[in-house]
Amino acid sequence: MKKLNDYKEEIHKCSKCGLCQSVCPVYEQTGNDCSVSRGKFIMLNGIIKGDLTLNKNVNKYLNMCLKCNACKNFCPSGINARQIFIAAKSEYFQKSPERKFISHFQSKFVFTTVLKLVKIASELYRFFKLDKMVPNFYPIFQKMEWLGKKMILANEFVSVHGKKAKVQAFQSPNAPKIVYFKGCVNEFINPKVKNATENVLLSLGVEVLPSAFECCGVPFLSCGNIEQFKKQAEFNLSQIPDEFDYFLTDCASCQNAFEEYKNYIEDENLLQKLDKISAKSLNVTEFLMQNIKSVEFSEKTSFTFHKPCHMENTEFIKEFLVKSKNVEYIEMKEFDKCCGFSGEFAIKNPELSQQISAKKAQNAVDTNADYILTSCPACILGLTQGLIENKSNKQPLNFIEFLSMADKITIKDITKATPSEQVIQTPVC
């Protein structure tokens, strides 16, 4: 793993042209040069030279980064600011007085225990139908400003809308073997996307291999706790069998985390496994579009789509439109710009996060599309946060949820022992 000093030459490559200012969502809101890559590079260069110390104030500005990589994609020198900032945060984390407390809180035992408690609380919350009752109090919560809005956000995130329908499953000995990484939100907070995904995969006749994954590690990486991130990476990689046909996720951030593993893993065997995973890695929606023949909605409907920062391919939208009946896609302004949530960023910069989310959500609302879709749980939170700020009653969905709402899905023959065509005539979620 590279240290901050290892990026000395890359930081020096920054010409201070300021082009990063034009694409940085944080700079757009703050106008503060220290919140954009150029300003941070000046500070980090001073630290490398010994003119500055990596203190709490510098870390505050490192935290003012969404890690969306917009600056890297727009930088004439192609500087990977995200990697540099993570290296700097890692060094600060090692020196920070809070390290011992954070390390204990983020230990495998404590972190997993907290997630399990959250799961129990979420299930009880839904069992007593509080998620259905709380919306009656939304008008009151809107008047409570920060606290009220957070209560609405939490309720929307925990709520399960719609019912899971029964779908006849079929499978052949030649069925593709799928590794499905569900992620923390699906496992511990809200299973609605997992239910939709597993139900559609079941209808395709594939074999979903059993797994016991833990968190992908992004929360640890974001705060600079590289040691725990490596442990999460090593554990998750150990759960993946040697033989599989596809590695699927329904979260762009989780998929990106597996790409990040190669920057922190040293074991050659694990690195070889990572190469195999990378070659067979797809978002669930991409996989489904490869294996679905047609999708039909009985009534005309429309959607807009927010592209998560860590999602590279959105070609599945075009493919979906070609295969769909009664569906219209309306592209929102700046559809590929960050939603403003990004986990740790929203916690440490709540007001700034809300401002960015509100703009993104307004772009989505302005399309007048029936549905607002994305492919990342954190983006669901960001969009929901923005919609609450704008007092909109729309509810963002994962793309797989929208797909599962179709009245009829015709799938291709992806196994030799199955019929050439299977039709799902009821919603699968």
Protein backbone atom coordinates (compact mmCIF):
# COMPACT_ATOMS: atom_id res chain seq x y z
CA MET A 1 0.00 0.00 0.00
CA LYS A 2 1.31 3.45 -0.94
CA LYS A 3 2.05 6.09 1.68
CA LEU A 4 1.37 9.80 1.22
CA ASN A 5 5.03 10.43 0.42
CA ASP A 6 4.79 7.87 -2.42
CA TYR A 7 2.43 10.25 -4.20
CA LYS A 8 4.96 13.11 -4.10
CA GLU A 9 5.49 13.16 -7.87
CA GLU A 10 1.80 12.78 -8.65
CA ILE A 11 0.89 15.70 -6.38
CA HIS A 12 3.65 17.72 -8.03
CA LYS A 13 2.03 17.02 -11.43
CA CYS A 14 -0.95 19.19 -10.42
CA SER A 15 -0.59 22.36 -12.51
CA LYS A 16 -3.12 24.25 -10.36
CA CYS A 17 -5.19 24.86 -13.50
CA GLY A 18 -8.41 24.81 -11.50
CA LEU A 19 -10.36 22.60 -13.90
CA CYS A 20 -11.32 20.41 -10.93
CA GLN A 21 -13.33 23.36 -9.61
CA SER A 22 -15.73 23.12 -12.53
CA VAL A 23 -16.76 19.53 -11.76
CA CYS A 24 -16.48 19.30 -7.97
CA PRO A 25 -19.96 19.26 -6.32
CA VAL A 26 -18.44 20.37 -3.01
CA TYR A 27 -16.65 23.38 -4.51
CA GLU A 28 -19.83 24.34 -6.34
CA GLN A 29 -21.57 24.73 -2.97
CA THR A 30 -18.72 26.17 -0.88
CA GLY A 31 -16.48 28.12 -3.27
CA ASN A 32 -13.69 27.14 -0.86
CA ASP A 33 -10.45 26.25 -2.67
CA CYS A 34 -9.47 23.96 0.21
CA SER A 35 -12.50 21.80 -0.53
CA VAL A 36 -11.33 20.98 -4.07
CA SER A 37 -8.41 18.81 -5.21
CA ARG A 38 -6.16 21.74 -6.14
CA GLY A 39 -6.35 23.24 -2.66
CA LYS A 40 -5.90 19.91 -0.93
CA PHE A 41 -2.82 19.15 -3.06
CA ILE A 42 -1.25 22.43 -1.94
CA MET A 43 -1.78 21.41 1.71
CA LEU A 44 -0.50 17.87 1.17
CA ASN A 45 2.55 19.15 -0.70
CA GLY A 46 3.31 21.32 2.32
CA ILE A 47 2.99 18.26 4.58
CA ILE A 48 5.37 16.23 2.40
CA LYS A 49 7.91 19.10 2.46
CA GLY A 50 7.55 19.45 6.23
CA ASP A 51 6.09 22.96 6.13
CA LEU A 52 2.72 21.75 7.46
CA THR A 53 1.56 19.00 9.80
CA LEU A 54 -1.20 16.51 9.06
CA ASN A 55 -3.47 17.84 11.79
CA LYS A 56 -7.18 17.91 12.55
CA ASN A 57 -7.76 21.00 10.43
CA VAL A 58 -6.21 19.40 7.33
CA ASN A 59 -8.23 16.24 7.96
CA LYS A 60 -11.38 18.36 8.08
CA TYR A 61 -10.77 19.35 4.46
CA LEU A 62 -9.88 15.79 3.49
CA ASN A 63 -13.30 14.83 4.83
CA MET A 64 -14.83 17.42 2.50
CA CYS A 65 -14.51 15.03 -0.42
CA LEU A 66 -17.23 12.84 -1.92
CA LYS A 67 -14.64 10.51 -3.50
CA CYS A 68 -16.71 10.69 -6.68
CA ASN A 69 -13.59 10.81 -8.91
CA ALA A 70 -15.06 13.63 -11.02
CA CYS A 71 -11.81 15.57 -10.65
CA LYS A 72 -9.75 12.59 -11.81
CA ASN A 73 -11.91 12.11 -14.88
CA PHE A 74 -11.55 15.80 -15.76
CA CYS A 75 -7.89 16.28 -14.78
CA PRO A 76 -5.50 16.83 -17.73
CA SER A 77 -2.82 14.96 -15.76
CA GLY A 78 -5.16 12.14 -14.75
CA ILE A 79 -4.25 12.48 -11.05
CA ASN A 80 -6.12 10.00 -8.84
CA ALA A 81 -7.07 12.40 -6.06
CA ARG A 82 -9.20 9.83 -4.28
CA GLN A 83 -6.27 7.44 -3.77
CA ILE A 84 -4.06 10.27 -2.53
CA PHE A 85 -6.65 11.52 -0.05
CA ILE A 86 -7.21 7.99 1.29
CA ALA A 87 -3.44 7.64 1.84
CA ALA A 88 -3.41 10.95 3.71
CA LYS A 89 -6.43 9.99 5.82
CA SER A 90 -4.76 6.68 6.64
CA GLU A 91 -1.70 8.48 8.00
CA TYR A 92 -3.88 10.86 9.99
CA PHE A 93 -5.86 7.92 11.35
CA GLN A 94 -2.65 6.27 12.58
CA LYS A 95 -1.67 9.42 14.49
CA SER A 96 -5.11 10.60 15.64
CA PRO A 97 -6.03 10.45 19.35
CA GLU A 98 -9.39 8.95 18.36
CA ARG A 99 -7.73 5.98 16.66
CA LYS A 100 -7.98 3.61 19.62
CA PHE A 101 -11.68 4.30 20.14
CA ILE A 102 -12.51 4.10 16.42
CA SER A 103 -10.46 0.92 16.00
CA HIS A 104 -12.34 -0.76 18.83
CA PHE A 105 -15.70 0.41 17.46
CA GLN A 106 -14.78 -0.78 13.98
CA SER A 107 -13.43 -4.12 15.14
CA LYS A 108 -15.03 -7.12 13.48
CA PHE A 109 -16.90 -8.14 16.64
CA VAL A 110 -18.28 -4.71 17.55
CA PHE A 111 -19.08 -3.68 13.97
CA THR A 112 -20.91 -6.96 13.24
CA THR A 113 -22.74 -6.81 16.58
CA VAL A 114 -23.98 -3.29 15.83
CA LEU A 115 -25.19 -4.38 12.39
CA LYS A 116 -27.04 -7.35 13.88
CA LEU A 117 -28.74 -5.08 16.40
CA VAL A 118 -29.73 -2.75 13.58
CA LYS A 119 -31.19 -5.73 11.72
CA ILE A 120 -33.29 -6.76 14.73
CA ALA A 121 -34.49 -3.19 15.23
CA SER A 122 -35.37 -2.81 11.53
CA GLU A 123 -37.30 -6.09 11.46
CA LEU A 124 -39.22 -5.18 14.61
CA TYR A 125 -39.93 -1.74 13.16
CA ARG A 126 -41.50 -3.31 10.08
CA PHE A 127 -43.20 -6.10 12.07
CA PHE A 128 -45.16 -3.55 14.07
CA LYS A 129 -45.87 -1.70 10.79
CA LEU A 130 -44.31 1.51 12.10
CA ASP A 131 -42.97 2.17 8.60
CA LYS A 132 -46.61 2.37 7.43
CA MET A 133 -47.75 4.53 10.35
CA VAL A 134 -44.92 7.08 10.46
CA PRO A 135 -45.73 8.71 7.07
CA ASN A 136 -48.92 10.08 8.64
CA PHE A 137 -46.66 12.32 10.73
CA TYR A 138 -44.46 13.54 7.86
CA PRO A 139 -46.11 17.00 7.76
CA ILE A 140 -45.18 17.44 11.43
CA PHE A 141 -41.64 16.12 10.90
CA GLN A 142 -41.10 18.58 8.03
CA LYS A 143 -41.60 21.41 10.51
CA MET A 144 -38.98 19.97 12.90
CA GLU A 145 -36.19 20.81 10.45
CA TRP A 146 -33.05 18.66 10.88
CA LEU A 147 -34.38 16.02 13.28
CA GLY A 148 -37.68 15.65 11.51
CA LYS A 149 -36.05 15.27 8.11
CA LYS A 150 -33.69 12.60 9.44
CA MET A 151 -36.68 10.71 10.87
CA ILE A 152 -38.36 10.77 7.46
CA LEU A 153 -35.12 9.65 5.80
CA ALA A 154 -34.70 6.74 8.22
CA ASN A 155 -38.29 5.61 7.79
CA GLU A 156 -38.10 5.71 3.99
CA PHE A 157 -34.86 3.74 4.02
CA VAL A 158 -36.24 1.01 6.28
CA SER A 159 -39.65 0.76 4.58
CA VAL A 160 -40.45 -2.10 2.21
CA HIS A 161 -42.86 -1.00 -0.49
CA GLY A 162 -44.80 -3.65 -2.38
CA LYS A 163 -45.04 -7.41 -1.93
CA LYS A 164 -42.89 -10.29 -3.05
CA ALA A 165 -44.81 -12.48 -5.48
CA LYS A 166 -44.21 -16.18 -5.96
CA VAL A 167 -42.29 -17.13 -9.07
CA GLN A 168 -41.92 -20.65 -10.34
CA ALA A 169 -38.26 -21.64 -10.21
CA PHE A 170 -36.49 -23.94 -12.60
CA GLN A 171 -32.88 -25.02 -12.79
CA SER A 172 -30.76 -27.40 -14.82
CA PRO A 173 -27.44 -29.09 -14.08
CA ASN A 174 -25.89 -26.68 -16.58
CA ALA A 175 -27.14 -23.55 -14.80
CA PRO A 176 -24.61 -20.71 -14.49
CA LYS A 177 -23.12 -20.48 -11.01
CA ILE A 178 -23.63 -17.06 -9.47
CA VAL A 179 -21.83 -15.42 -6.56
CA TYR A 180 -24.16 -12.68 -5.30
CA PHE A 181 -22.64 -10.12 -2.92
CA LYS A 182 -25.65 -8.68 -1.09
CA GLY A 183 -24.03 -5.92 0.97
CA CYS A 184 -24.81 -4.53 4.42
CA VAL A 185 -28.03 -2.70 3.53
CA ASN A 186 -29.63 -5.85 2.08
CA GLU A 187 -28.44 -8.04 4.94
CA PHE A 188 -29.03 -5.80 7.94
CA ILE A 189 -31.33 -2.86 7.13
CA ASN A 190 -33.74 -3.46 4.27
CA PRO A 191 -33.98 -6.68 2.24
CA LYS A 192 -36.27 -5.37 -0.49
CA VAL A 193 -33.58 -5.15 -3.20
CA LYS A 194 -32.15 -8.53 -2.19
CA ASN A 195 -35.64 -10.06 -2.39
CA ALA A 196 -36.22 -8.61 -5.84
CA THR A 197 -32.79 -9.71 -7.05
CA GLU A 198 -32.98 -13.26 -5.72
CA ASN A 199 -36.50 -13.70 -7.04
CA VAL A 200 -35.54 -12.64 -10.57
CA LEU A 201 -32.37 -14.75 -10.47
CA LEU A 202 -34.49 -17.68 -9.33
CA SER A 203 -36.76 -17.21 -12.33
CA LEU A 204 -33.73 -17.28 -14.64
CA GLY A 205 -32.82 -20.75 -13.44
CA VAL A 206 -29.30 -19.85 -12.30
CA GLU A 207 -27.61 -21.38 -9.29
CA VAL A 208 -26.89 -18.80 -6.57
CA LEU A 209 -23.98 -20.16 -4.55
CA PRO A 210 -24.27 -19.95 -0.74
CA SER A 211 -22.14 -17.25 0.83
CA ALA A 212 -21.38 -15.66 4.19
CA PHE A 213 -19.95 -12.28 3.24
CA GLU A 214 -19.34 -9.36 5.58
CA CYS A 215 -19.27 -5.62 4.85
CA CYS A 216 -17.26 -4.79 1.71
CA GLY A 217 -15.14 -2.46 3.85
CA VAL A 218 -15.90 0.91 2.27
CA PRO A 219 -16.72 2.57 5.65
CA PHE A 220 -13.27 1.57 6.93
CA LEU A 221 -11.48 2.72 3.79
CA SER A 222 -13.26 6.08 3.86
CA CYS A 223 -12.09 6.94 7.36
CA GLY A 224 -8.52 5.73 6.78
CA ASN A 225 -8.75 2.48 8.76
CA ILE A 226 -6.79 0.53 6.16
CA GLU A 227 -5.94 -2.33 8.52
CA GLN A 228 -9.62 -3.23 9.00
CA PHE A 229 -10.35 -2.69 5.31
CA LYS A 230 -7.69 -5.28 4.46
CA LYS A 231 -9.23 -7.72 6.95
CA GLN A 232 -12.63 -7.28 5.35
CA ALA A 233 -11.12 -7.81 1.91
CA GLU A 234 -9.28 -10.98 2.94
CA PHE A 235 -12.36 -12.44 4.61
CA ASN A 236 -14.72 -11.69 1.72
CA LEU A 237 -12.29 -13.09 -0.83
CA SER A 238 -11.97 -16.28 1.23
CA GLN A 239 -15.75 -16.80 0.90
CA ILE A 240 -15.68 -16.88 -2.89
CA PRO A 241 -15.30 -20.37 -4.38
CA ASP A 242 -12.72 -21.11 -7.04
CA GLU A 243 -15.36 -22.04 -9.60
CA PHE A 244 -18.14 -19.62 -10.53
CA ASP A 245 -19.48 -18.01 -13.70
CA TYR A 246 -20.50 -14.53 -12.53
CA PHE A 247 -19.85 -12.24 -9.58
CA LEU A 248 -22.88 -9.98 -9.11
CA THR A 249 -23.67 -6.99 -6.91
CA ASP A 250 -26.66 -4.66 -6.83
CA CYS A 251 -24.53 -1.84 -5.37
CA ALA A 252 -22.00 0.14 -7.41
CA SER A 253 -19.99 1.00 -4.29
CA CYS A 254 -19.63 -2.65 -3.25
CA GLN A 255 -18.55 -3.57 -6.76
CA ASN A 256 -15.95 -0.79 -6.66
CA ALA A 257 -14.71 -1.98 -3.25
CA PHE A 258 -13.69 -5.30 -4.80
CA GLU A 259 -11.76 -3.33 -7.41
CA GLU A 260 -10.05 -1.39 -4.60
CA TYR A 261 -8.94 -4.59 -2.87
CA LYS A 262 -6.07 -5.02 -5.33
CA ASN A 263 -4.48 -1.81 -4.04
CA TYR A 264 -4.24 -3.16 -0.49
CA ILE A 265 -3.89 -6.95 -0.83
CA GLU A 266 -0.41 -8.47 -1.02
CA ASP A 267 -1.17 -12.20 -1.09
CA GLU A 268 -0.54 -13.47 -4.63
CA ASN A 269 -3.27 -16.13 -4.43
CA LEU A 270 -5.85 -13.55 -3.42
CA LEU A 271 -4.67 -11.20 -6.17
CA GLN A 272 -5.18 -13.97 -8.72
CA LYS A 273 -8.67 -14.54 -7.37
CA LEU A 274 -9.33 -10.81 -7.66
CA ASP A 275 -8.37 -10.89 -11.33
CA LYS A 276 -10.91 -13.65 -11.87
CA ILE A 277 -13.59 -11.74 -9.94
CA SER A 278 -12.90 -8.57 -11.92
CA ALA A 279 -13.27 -10.43 -15.22
CA LYS A 280 -16.63 -11.88 -14.15
CA SER A 281 -18.01 -8.93 -12.19
CA LEU A 282 -21.30 -7.33 -13.25
CA ASN A 283 -24.02 -5.25 -11.70
CA VAL A 284 -27.11 -7.44 -11.33
CA THR A 285 -29.00 -5.23 -13.78
CA GLU A 286 -26.31 -5.69 -16.44
CA PHE A 287 -26.54 -9.46 -16.01
CA LEU A 288 -30.31 -9.45 -16.24
CA MET A 289 -30.29 -7.35 -19.39
CA GLN A 290 -28.02 -9.94 -20.98
CA ASN A 291 -30.50 -12.70 -20.20
CA ILE A 292 -33.92 -11.08 -20.51
CA LYS A 293 -35.63 -11.14 -23.89
CA SER A 294 -38.38 -8.61 -23.24
CA VAL A 295 -40.03 -6.60 -20.46
CA GLU A 296 -43.60 -5.40 -20.63
CA PHE A 297 -45.50 -2.89 -18.51
CA SER A 298 -49.27 -2.90 -19.04
CA GLU A 299 -49.47 0.88 -18.65
CA LYS A 300 -47.14 3.54 -19.97
CA THR A 301 -44.51 4.55 -17.45
CA SER A 302 -41.35 6.62 -17.41
CA PHE A 303 -38.16 6.77 -15.39
CA THR A 304 -35.05 8.83 -14.95
CA PHE A 305 -31.74 7.43 -13.72
CA HIS A 306 -29.02 8.72 -11.41
CA LYS A 307 -25.65 7.19 -12.27
CA PRO A 308 -23.69 6.27 -9.12
CA CYS A 309 -20.16 7.67 -9.09
CA HIS A 310 -18.64 4.18 -8.97
CA MET A 311 -20.70 2.75 -11.80
CA GLU A 312 -18.75 2.65 -15.04
CA ASN A 313 -21.28 1.17 -17.46
CA THR A 314 -24.81 2.45 -18.07
CA GLU A 315 -25.31 0.79 -21.46
CA PHE A 316 -27.87 -1.52 -19.84
CA ILE A 317 -30.34 1.39 -19.90
CA LYS A 318 -30.27 1.47 -23.71
CA GLU A 319 -30.62 -2.30 -23.82
CA PHE A 320 -33.53 -2.16 -21.38
CA LEU A 321 -35.34 0.41 -23.52
CA VAL A 322 -34.91 -1.71 -26.63
CA LYS A 323 -36.39 -4.73 -24.85
CA SER A 324 -39.17 -2.88 -23.02
CA LYS A 325 -42.74 -2.05 -23.92
CA ASN A 326 -44.56 1.03 -22.59
CA VAL A 327 -41.42 2.43 -20.95
CA GLU A 328 -39.84 5.85 -21.54
CA TYR A 329 -36.46 7.06 -20.27
CA ILE A 330 -36.05 10.78 -19.49
CA GLU A 331 -32.47 11.80 -18.79
CA MET A 332 -32.09 14.24 -15.93
CA LYS A 333 -29.68 17.17 -16.02
CA GLU A 334 -26.22 16.09 -14.76
CA PHE A 335 -27.44 12.50 -14.40
CA ASP A 336 -23.86 11.38 -13.69
CA LYS A 337 -23.05 13.96 -11.00
CA CYS A 338 -22.70 12.83 -7.36
CA CYS A 339 -25.85 12.72 -5.22
CA GLY A 340 -23.98 14.22 -2.24
CA PHE A 341 -24.33 11.37 0.25
CA SER A 342 -21.24 9.13 0.18
CA GLY A 343 -21.61 7.69 3.70
CA GLU A 344 -18.96 9.32 5.86
CA PHE A 345 -19.27 12.61 3.97
CA ALA A 346 -22.96 12.93 4.89
CA ILE A 347 -22.21 12.23 8.55
CA LYS A 348 -19.36 14.75 8.84
CA ASN A 349 -20.81 17.39 6.49
CA PRO A 350 -24.60 17.05 6.93
CA GLU A 351 -25.65 20.51 5.74
CA LEU A 352 -23.35 20.40 2.72
CA SER A 353 -24.57 16.91 1.89
CA GLN A 354 -28.20 18.08 2.02
CA GLN A 355 -27.49 21.01 -0.29
CA ILE A 356 -25.87 18.80 -2.94
CA SER A 357 -28.61 16.16 -2.61
CA ALA A 358 -31.34 18.77 -2.96
CA LYS A 359 -29.93 19.98 -6.27
CA LYS A 360 -29.57 16.43 -7.59
CA ALA A 361 -33.11 15.52 -6.49
CA GLN A 362 -34.52 18.65 -8.11
CA ASN A 363 -32.89 17.67 -11.41
CA ALA A 364 -34.67 14.33 -11.12
CA VAL A 365 -38.04 15.88 -10.22
CA ASP A 366 -37.78 18.35 -13.11
CA THR A 367 -37.95 15.44 -15.58
CA ASN A 368 -41.51 14.67 -14.40
CA ALA A 369 -40.63 10.99 -14.72
CA ASP A 370 -42.81 8.52 -12.84
CA TYR A 371 -39.82 6.84 -11.19
CA ILE A 372 -36.36 7.92 -10.04
CA LEU A 373 -33.92 5.03 -10.27
CA THR A 374 -30.32 4.31 -9.33
CA SER A 375 -28.12 1.30 -8.47
CA CYS A 376 -26.57 2.07 -5.08
CA PRO A 377 -28.06 2.09 -1.53
CA ALA A 378 -26.06 5.20 -0.59
CA CYS A 379 -27.45 6.97 -3.66
CA ILE A 380 -30.95 5.91 -2.62
CA LEU A 381 -30.26 7.72 0.66
CA GLY A 382 -28.82 10.74 -1.12
CA LEU A 383 -31.76 11.03 -3.49
CA THR A 384 -34.25 10.49 -0.65
CA GLN A 385 -32.48 13.15 1.42
CA GLY A 386 -32.73 15.59 -1.49
CA LEU A 387 -36.37 14.79 -2.17
CA ILE A 388 -37.20 15.44 1.48
CA GLU A 389 -35.41 18.81 1.26
CA ASN A 390 -37.53 19.63 -1.80
CA LYS A 391 -40.71 18.39 -0.11
CA SER A 392 -41.30 15.86 -2.88
CA ASN A 393 -43.27 12.68 -2.21
CA LYS A 394 -41.38 10.62 -4.81
CA GLN A 395 -39.49 7.53 -3.64
CA PRO A 396 -36.26 6.53 -5.43
CA LEU A 397 -35.85 2.86 -6.31
CA ASN A 398 -33.03 0.54 -7.22
CA PHE A 399 -33.23 -0.33 -10.93
CA ILE A 400 -33.83 -4.00 -10.08
CA GLU A 401 -36.92 -3.00 -8.05
CA PHE A 402 -38.35 -1.19 -11.05
CA LEU A 403 -37.60 -4.14 -13.29
CA SER A 404 -39.36 -6.46 -10.89
CA MET A 405 -42.53 -4.33 -11.14
CA ALA A 406 -43.02 -5.32 -14.79
CA ASP A 407 -46.22 -7.19 -15.67
CA LYS A 408 -44.41 -9.65 -17.91
CA ILE A 409 -40.77 -10.59 -18.30
CA THR A 410 -39.65 -12.99 -21.00
CA ILE A 411 -36.26 -14.53 -20.42
CA LYS A 412 -33.79 -16.17 -22.75
CA ASP A 413 -32.70 -19.77 -22.58
CA ILE A 414 -29.50 -19.57 -20.57
CA THR A 415 -29.36 -23.26 -19.65
CA LYS A 416 -29.48 -26.23 -22.02
CA ALA A 417 -32.08 -28.07 -19.96
CA THR A 418 -34.64 -25.26 -19.83
CA PRO A 419 -37.30 -24.26 -22.34
CA SER A 420 -36.22 -21.73 -24.96
CA GLU A 421 -38.43 -19.11 -23.41
CA GLN A 422 -39.94 -18.56 -19.95
CA VAL A 423 -42.50 -15.89 -19.12
CA ILE A 424 -43.06 -14.26 -15.74
CA GLN A 425 -46.60 -12.94 -15.76
CA THR A 426 -46.73 -11.48 -12.28
CA PRO A 427 -44.52 -8.88 -10.64
CA VAL A 428 -41.55 -10.60 -9.06
CA CYS A 429 -41.32 -8.32 -6.07
